[in-house]
Amino acid sequence: MYRHGLADKIPEYYIWSSMRRRCYYPRDISYKYYGARGIKVCERWNDFSNFLTDMGYRPTPKHRIERINNDGDYEPANCRWATPKEQAHNRRSGVHLISGERSTTAKLTNEQAAYIRRLHLKGGYTNSLLGKMFGVSPTSISNILNNKSYRGIKTT
């Protein structure tokens, strides 16, 4: 049904196909970030119809597939549709050390970002201290405080 039918004409099929290439084809430009790191696609999603059943259609054309845990595989419990803005809060580039342990940047809620701003305004909190409190890098804290991320969040 999907080989010669509708599947190759819908964006979800292209996303599914690209996901598989990133994980299994060393010649793919993104393989080093996925397959080479051991990221796999669950066996159930070897069939596009199962992928579409589990994920559904994208809510909007801006939505892309996102792995909630960037070190985890592509599987129903670890994937969702997300906008580029949502994905920006879930990047491996946010890997940093907390108490000497490797940790990925936590996804902060809007409420947490507002609380970080309130604490900063109160005084006595460095970016480093706030970062340790919330499990994010000092750079992430700086971005929140300088409205480079979580724009439009009210501190009251």
Foldseek 3Di string as FASTA:
>chain_A
DCVPDCLVVAVLNVLLVVLQCLQPPPVDPNVCQANVLPAHADPQSVDVVSVCVLAPHAPDPQWHKDFQQSSYYHDSVGIYTDGVLQVVQFDQVFWDDAPNDTDHRDRDDLLLLLCLLVVVVVDDAQLPNSCNVRVTHSVVSVCSNVVVHSHPRHND
